[in-house]
Amino acid sequence: MTHDDDKLRPLDRQFQLDDIPNIDLYMDQVIQLFERTFEATTRTEGETILTKTMINNYAKKKLFFPVTNKKYTKNHLILISLIYQLKGTVSINDIKATLTELNQGVANETLNLEAFYASYLENTVRNLETFEAEQASADENEPIDQLQQILSLAHMSNLYRRAAERMIDQLDG
């Protein structure tokens, strides 16, 4: 079952720094925050966004630095948000390789994660503007033209994923 009006469903949603509380949250609060923030971007109603098991697996795989007293800081929420964005494209091992330096910088207090994330958000705005400009006419196409567009988007997605994987491999090497 899909959302009633896909035209109104946003293609993209990111945590803005102001959306992230400056207080530490327990896991249930983290899940609620993610559900509220990303619900509109899901394909079907009731789609799982984040679960306790997912968070525990991310922690076990060391995708983010350790939690203290079962509370997640603003930096944890930023990292979990980045994991959420990456998980549909690259493997958990690739996510770990991608975020290792970021986690070390946060843990060693040599990296300002909020400044890094603000830069990331600026990039997402530019990416979305470019994407929307390219998609403006695609929605009005005939079904066979839409099929071509679907295939083209899937191909571009694969090209971008492969490029990201090559860059991740360079991080490991």
C-alpha atoms as a PDB file:
ATOM      1  CA  MET A   1       0.000   0.000   0.000  1.00  0.00           C
ATOM      2  CA  THR A   2       1.527   3.291  -1.076  1.00  0.00           C
ATOM      3  CA  HIS A   3       1.006   6.759   0.352  1.00  0.00           C
ATOM      4  CA  ASP A   4      -2.193   8.426  -0.872  1.00  0.00           C
ATOM      5  CA  ASP A   5      -0.582  11.293  -2.737  1.00  0.00           C
ATOM      6  CA  ASP A   6       2.926  10.514  -3.942  1.00  0.00           C
ATOM      7  CA  LYS A   7       3.200  13.967  -5.542  1.00  0.00           C
ATOM      8  CA  LEU A   8       3.167  15.511  -2.058  1.00  0.00           C
ATOM      9  CA  ARG A   9       5.591  12.976  -0.558  1.00  0.00           C
ATOM     10  CA  PRO A  10       9.048  14.507  -0.333  1.00  0.00           C
ATOM     11  CA  LEU A  11      11.849  12.734  -2.142  1.00  0.00           C
ATOM     12  CA  ASP A  12      14.338  13.822   0.437  1.00  0.00           C
ATOM     13  CA  ARG A  13      14.389  14.721   4.096  1.00  0.00           C
ATOM     14  CA  GLN A  14      17.406  15.371   6.255  1.00  0.00           C
ATOM     15  CA  PHE A  15      17.812  16.124   9.921  1.00  0.00           C
ATOM     16  CA  GLN A  16      18.533  19.809  10.162  1.00  0.00           C
ATOM     17  CA  LEU A  17      20.859  20.694  13.022  1.00  0.00           C
ATOM     18  CA  ASP A  18      17.981  22.542  14.693  1.00  0.00           C
ATOM     19  CA  ASP A  19      15.865  19.340  14.524  1.00  0.00           C
ATOM     20  CA  ILE A  20      18.344  17.487  16.710  1.00  0.00           C
ATOM     21  CA  PRO A  21      17.886  18.078  20.439  1.00  0.00           C
ATOM     22  CA  ASN A  22      20.836  19.367  22.442  1.00  0.00           C
ATOM     23  CA  ILE A  23      20.007  16.890  25.182  1.00  0.00           C
ATOM     24  CA  ASP A  24      20.958  13.238  25.242  1.00  0.00           C
ATOM     25  CA  LEU A  25      18.187  10.813  24.277  1.00  0.00           C
ATOM     26  CA  TYR A  26      17.370   7.235  25.157  1.00  0.00           C
ATOM     27  CA  MET A  27      17.014   4.721  22.342  1.00  0.00           C
ATOM     28  CA  ASP A  28      13.196   4.876  22.243  1.00  0.00           C
ATOM     29  CA  GLN A  29      13.375   8.663  21.898  1.00  0.00           C
ATOM     30  CA  VAL A  30      15.911   8.307  19.075  1.00  0.00           C
ATOM     31  CA  ILE A  31      13.608   5.916  17.233  1.00  0.00           C
ATOM     32  CA  GLN A  32      10.617   8.246  17.679  1.00  0.00           C
ATOM     33  CA  LEU A  33      12.629  11.192  16.369  1.00  0.00           C
ATOM     34  CA  PHE A  34      13.693   9.235  13.279  1.00  0.00           C
ATOM     35  CA  GLU A  35      10.158   7.972  12.674  1.00  0.00           C
ATOM     36  CA  ARG A  36       8.738  11.507  12.809  1.00  0.00           C
ATOM     37  CA  THR A  37      11.504  12.992  10.691  1.00  0.00           C
ATOM     38  CA  PHE A  38      11.684  10.415   7.907  1.00  0.00           C
ATOM     39  CA  GLU A  39       8.138   9.025   7.794  1.00  0.00           C
ATOM     40  CA  ALA A  40       7.153  11.215   4.851  1.00  0.00           C
ATOM     41  CA  THR A  41       9.998   9.838   2.718  1.00  0.00           C
ATOM     42  CA  THR A  42       8.966   6.196   3.029  1.00  0.00           C
ATOM     43  CA  ARG A  43       7.501   4.355   0.093  1.00  0.00           C
ATOM     44  CA  THR A  44       4.707   2.639   2.006  1.00  0.00           C
ATOM     45  CA  GLU A  45       2.849   3.425   5.210  1.00  0.00           C
ATOM     46  CA  GLY A  46       4.244   1.640   8.224  1.00  0.00           C
ATOM     47  CA  GLU A  47       7.659   1.121   6.623  1.00  0.00           C
ATOM     48  CA  THR A  48      10.366   0.608   9.236  1.00  0.00           C
ATOM     49  CA  ILE A  49      12.807   3.482   9.495  1.00  0.00           C
ATOM     50  CA  LEU A  50      14.853   2.587  12.559  1.00  0.00           C
ATOM     51  CA  THR A  51      14.573  -0.126  15.205  1.00  0.00           C
ATOM     52  CA  LYS A  52      16.348  -1.041  18.435  1.00  0.00           C
ATOM     53  CA  THR A  53      17.887  -4.007  16.631  1.00  0.00           C
ATOM     54  CA  MET A  54      19.246  -1.756  13.887  1.00  0.00           C
ATOM     55  CA  ILE A  55      20.799   0.648  16.399  1.00  0.00           C
ATOM     56  CA  ASN A  56      22.268  -2.238  18.393  1.00  0.00           C
ATOM     57  CA  ASN A  57      23.728  -3.740  15.214  1.00  0.00           C
ATOM     58  CA  TYR A  58      25.232  -0.372  14.225  1.00  0.00           C
ATOM     59  CA  ALA A  59      26.796  -0.132  17.696  1.00  0.00           C
ATOM     60  CA  LYS A  60      28.060  -3.733  17.567  1.00  0.00           C
ATOM     61  CA  LYS A  61      29.628  -3.089  14.139  1.00  0.00           C
ATOM     62  CA  LYS A  62      31.155   0.114  15.577  1.00  0.00           C
ATOM     63  CA  LEU A  63      29.502   2.380  13.013  1.00  0.00           C
ATOM     64  CA  PHE A  64      29.469   5.095  15.668  1.00  0.00           C
ATOM     65  CA  PHE A  65      31.511   5.764  18.781  1.00  0.00           C
ATOM     66  CA  PRO A  66      30.313   4.159  22.050  1.00  0.00           C
ATOM     67  CA  VAL A  67      27.212   5.379  23.858  1.00  0.00           C
ATOM     68  CA  THR A  68      27.507   6.459  27.499  1.00  0.00           C
ATOM     69  CA  ASN A  69      24.831   5.517  30.045  1.00  0.00           C
ATOM     70  CA  LYS A  70      22.471   4.302  27.285  1.00  0.00           C
ATOM     71  CA  LYS A  71      22.049   7.887  26.065  1.00  0.00           C
ATOM     72  CA  TYR A  72      22.651   9.142  22.536  1.00  0.00           C
ATOM     73  CA  THR A  73      24.212  12.560  22.053  1.00  0.00           C
ATOM     74  CA  LYS A  74      23.612  15.005  19.239  1.00  0.00           C
ATOM     75  CA  ASN A  75      26.757  13.611  17.584  1.00  0.00           C
ATOM     76  CA  HIS A  76      25.332  10.086  17.774  1.00  0.00           C
ATOM     77  CA  LEU A  77      22.124  11.281  16.118  1.00  0.00           C
ATOM     78  CA  ILE A  78      24.089  12.944  13.320  1.00  0.00           C
ATOM     79  CA  LEU A  79      26.054   9.739  12.735  1.00  0.00           C
ATOM     80  CA  ILE A  80      22.921   7.564  12.826  1.00  0.00           C
ATOM     81  CA  SER A  81      21.350   9.948  10.318  1.00  0.00           C
ATOM     82  CA  LEU A  82      24.352   9.534   8.015  1.00  0.00           C
ATOM     83  CA  ILE A  83      24.102   5.746   8.424  1.00  0.00           C
ATOM     84  CA  TYR A  84      20.407   5.969   7.526  1.00  0.00           C
ATOM     85  CA  GLN A  85      21.281   7.874   4.352  1.00  0.00           C
ATOM     86  CA  LEU A  86      24.058   5.442   3.371  1.00  0.00           C
ATOM     87  CA  LYS A  87      22.387   2.123   4.189  1.00  0.00           C
ATOM     88  CA  GLY A  88      20.206   2.058   1.081  1.00  0.00           C
ATOM     89  CA  THR A  89      23.213   2.418  -1.166  1.00  0.00           C
ATOM     90  CA  VAL A  90      26.264   0.743   0.324  1.00  0.00           C
ATOM     91  CA  SER A  91      26.974  -2.227   2.592  1.00  0.00           C
ATOM     92  CA  ILE A  92      27.371  -2.009   6.367  1.00  0.00           C
ATOM     93  CA  ASN A  93      31.104  -2.739   5.962  1.00  0.00           C
ATOM     94  CA  ASP A  94      31.383   0.141   3.480  1.00  0.00           C
ATOM     95  CA  ILE A  95      29.513   2.417   5.884  1.00  0.00           C
ATOM     96  CA  LYS A  96      31.967   1.476   8.624  1.00  0.00           C
ATOM     97  CA  ALA A  97      34.930   2.226   6.339  1.00  0.00           C
ATOM     98  CA  THR A  98      33.345   5.532   5.326  1.00  0.00           C
ATOM     99  CA  LEU A  99      32.611   6.702   8.868  1.00  0.00           C
ATOM    100  CA  THR A 100      35.716   5.394  10.664  1.00  0.00           C
ATOM    101  CA  GLU A 101      37.717   8.609  10.359  1.00  0.00           C
ATOM    102  CA  LEU A 102      34.686  10.689  11.269  1.00  0.00           C
ATOM    103  CA  ASN A 103      34.087   8.594  14.400  1.00  0.00           C
ATOM    104  CA  GLN A 104      37.743   8.817  15.394  1.00  0.00           C
ATOM    105  CA  GLY A 105      37.692  12.576  14.969  1.00  0.00           C
ATOM    106  CA  VAL A 106      34.594  12.902  17.127  1.00  0.00           C
ATOM    107  CA  ALA A 107      35.923  10.521  19.794  1.00  0.00           C
ATOM    108  CA  ASN A 108      39.288  12.336  19.887  1.00  0.00           C
ATOM    109  CA  GLU A 109      37.551  15.735  19.796  1.00  0.00           C
ATOM    110  CA  THR A 110      39.610  16.742  16.744  1.00  0.00           C
ATOM    111  CA  LEU A 111      36.590  17.067  14.446  1.00  0.00           C
ATOM    112  CA  ASN A 112      33.586  19.351  14.701  1.00  0.00           C
ATOM    113  CA  LEU A 113      30.853  16.981  13.558  1.00  0.00           C
ATOM    114  CA  GLU A 114      28.212  19.712  13.485  1.00  0.00           C
ATOM    115  CA  ALA A 115      30.296  21.784  11.049  1.00  0.00           C
ATOM    116  CA  PHE A 116      30.923  18.698   8.914  1.00  0.00           C
ATOM    117  CA  TYR A 117      27.205  17.883   8.933  1.00  0.00           C
ATOM    118  CA  ALA A 118      26.266  21.472   8.042  1.00  0.00           C
ATOM    119  CA  SER A 119      28.507  21.172   4.980  1.00  0.00           C
ATOM    120  CA  TYR A 120      26.844  17.852   4.126  1.00  0.00           C
ATOM    121  CA  LEU A 121      23.418  19.516   4.381  1.00  0.00           C
ATOM    122  CA  GLU A 122      24.527  22.257   1.981  1.00  0.00           C
ATOM    123  CA  ASN A 123      25.524  19.546  -0.499  1.00  0.00           C
ATOM    124  CA  THR A 124      22.151  17.815  -0.138  1.00  0.00           C
ATOM    125  CA  VAL A 125      20.338  21.056  -0.985  1.00  0.00           C
ATOM    126  CA  ARG A 126      22.404  21.484  -4.165  1.00  0.00           C
ATOM    127  CA  ASN A 127      21.894  17.812  -5.086  1.00  0.00           C
ATOM    128  CA  LEU A 128      18.138  18.076  -4.604  1.00  0.00           C
ATOM    129  CA  GLU A 129      17.922  21.280  -6.676  1.00  0.00           C
ATOM    130  CA  THR A 130      19.823  19.610  -9.532  1.00  0.00           C
ATOM    131  CA  PHE A 131      17.697  16.487  -9.291  1.00  0.00           C
ATOM    132  CA  GLU A 132      14.403  18.388  -9.244  1.00  0.00           C
ATOM    133  CA  ALA A 133      15.429  20.460 -12.277  1.00  0.00           C
ATOM    134  CA  GLU A 134      16.175  17.276 -14.218  1.00  0.00           C
ATOM    135  CA  GLN A 135      12.925  15.610 -13.095  1.00  0.00           C
ATOM    136  CA  ALA A 136      10.563  18.518 -13.777  1.00  0.00           C
ATOM    137  CA  SER A 137       9.428  17.224 -17.165  1.00  0.00           C
ATOM    138  CA  ALA A 138       9.762  13.484 -16.491  1.00  0.00           C
ATOM    139  CA  ASP A 139       6.518  13.233 -14.504  1.00  0.00           C
ATOM    140  CA  GLU A 140       4.413  14.185 -17.526  1.00  0.00           C
ATOM    141  CA  ASN A 141       5.754  11.466 -19.836  1.00  0.00           C
ATOM    142  CA  GLU A 142       3.822   8.557 -21.352  1.00  0.00           C
ATOM    143  CA  PRO A 143       4.255   5.149 -19.670  1.00  0.00           C
ATOM    144  CA  ILE A 144       6.870   3.912 -22.153  1.00  0.00           C
ATOM    145  CA  ASP A 145       8.830   7.136 -21.669  1.00  0.00           C
ATOM    146  CA  GLN A 146       8.514   6.690 -17.917  1.00  0.00           C
ATOM    147  CA  LEU A 147       9.983   3.200 -18.290  1.00  0.00           C
ATOM    148  CA  GLN A 148      12.968   4.726 -20.088  1.00  0.00           C
ATOM    149  CA  GLN A 149      13.275   7.269 -17.283  1.00  0.00           C
ATOM    150  CA  ILE A 150      13.093   4.519 -14.632  1.00  0.00           C
ATOM    151  CA  LEU A 151      15.816   2.559 -16.393  1.00  0.00           C
ATOM    152  CA  SER A 152      17.919   5.689 -16.769  1.00  0.00           C
ATOM    153  CA  LEU A 153      17.556   6.573 -13.075  1.00  0.00           C
ATOM    154  CA  ALA A 154      18.422   3.011 -12.031  1.00  0.00           C
ATOM    155  CA  HIS A 155      21.485   3.114 -14.280  1.00  0.00           C
ATOM    156  CA  MET A 156      22.604   6.464 -12.860  1.00  0.00           C
ATOM    157  CA  SER A 157      22.048   5.121  -9.348  1.00  0.00           C
ATOM    158  CA  ASN A 158      24.280   2.143 -10.126  1.00  0.00           C
ATOM    159  CA  LEU A 159      26.967   4.406 -11.586  1.00  0.00           C
ATOM    160  CA  TYR A 160      26.928   6.650  -8.515  1.00  0.00           C
ATOM    161  CA  ARG A 161      26.952   3.637  -6.161  1.00  0.00           C
ATOM    162  CA  ARG A 162      29.946   2.146  -7.982  1.00  0.00           C
ATOM    163  CA  ALA A 163      31.767   5.482  -7.848  1.00  0.00           C
ATOM    164  CA  ALA A 164      31.073   5.676  -4.092  1.00  0.00           C
ATOM    165  CA  GLU A 165      32.342   2.110  -3.642  1.00  0.00           C
ATOM    166  CA  ARG A 166      35.571   2.966  -5.470  1.00  0.00           C
ATOM    167  CA  MET A 167      36.077   5.950  -3.187  1.00  0.00           C
ATOM    168  CA  ILE A 168      35.376   3.778  -0.134  1.00  0.00           C
ATOM    169  CA  ASP A 169      37.939   1.258  -1.378  1.00  0.00           C
ATOM    170  CA  GLN A 170      40.487   4.102  -1.541  1.00  0.00           C
ATOM    171  CA  LEU A 171      39.710   4.935   2.106  1.00  0.00           C
ATOM    172  CA  ASP A 172      40.519   1.344   3.043  1.00  0.00           C
ATOM    173  CA  GLY A 173      43.666   1.234   0.934  1.00  0.00           C
END
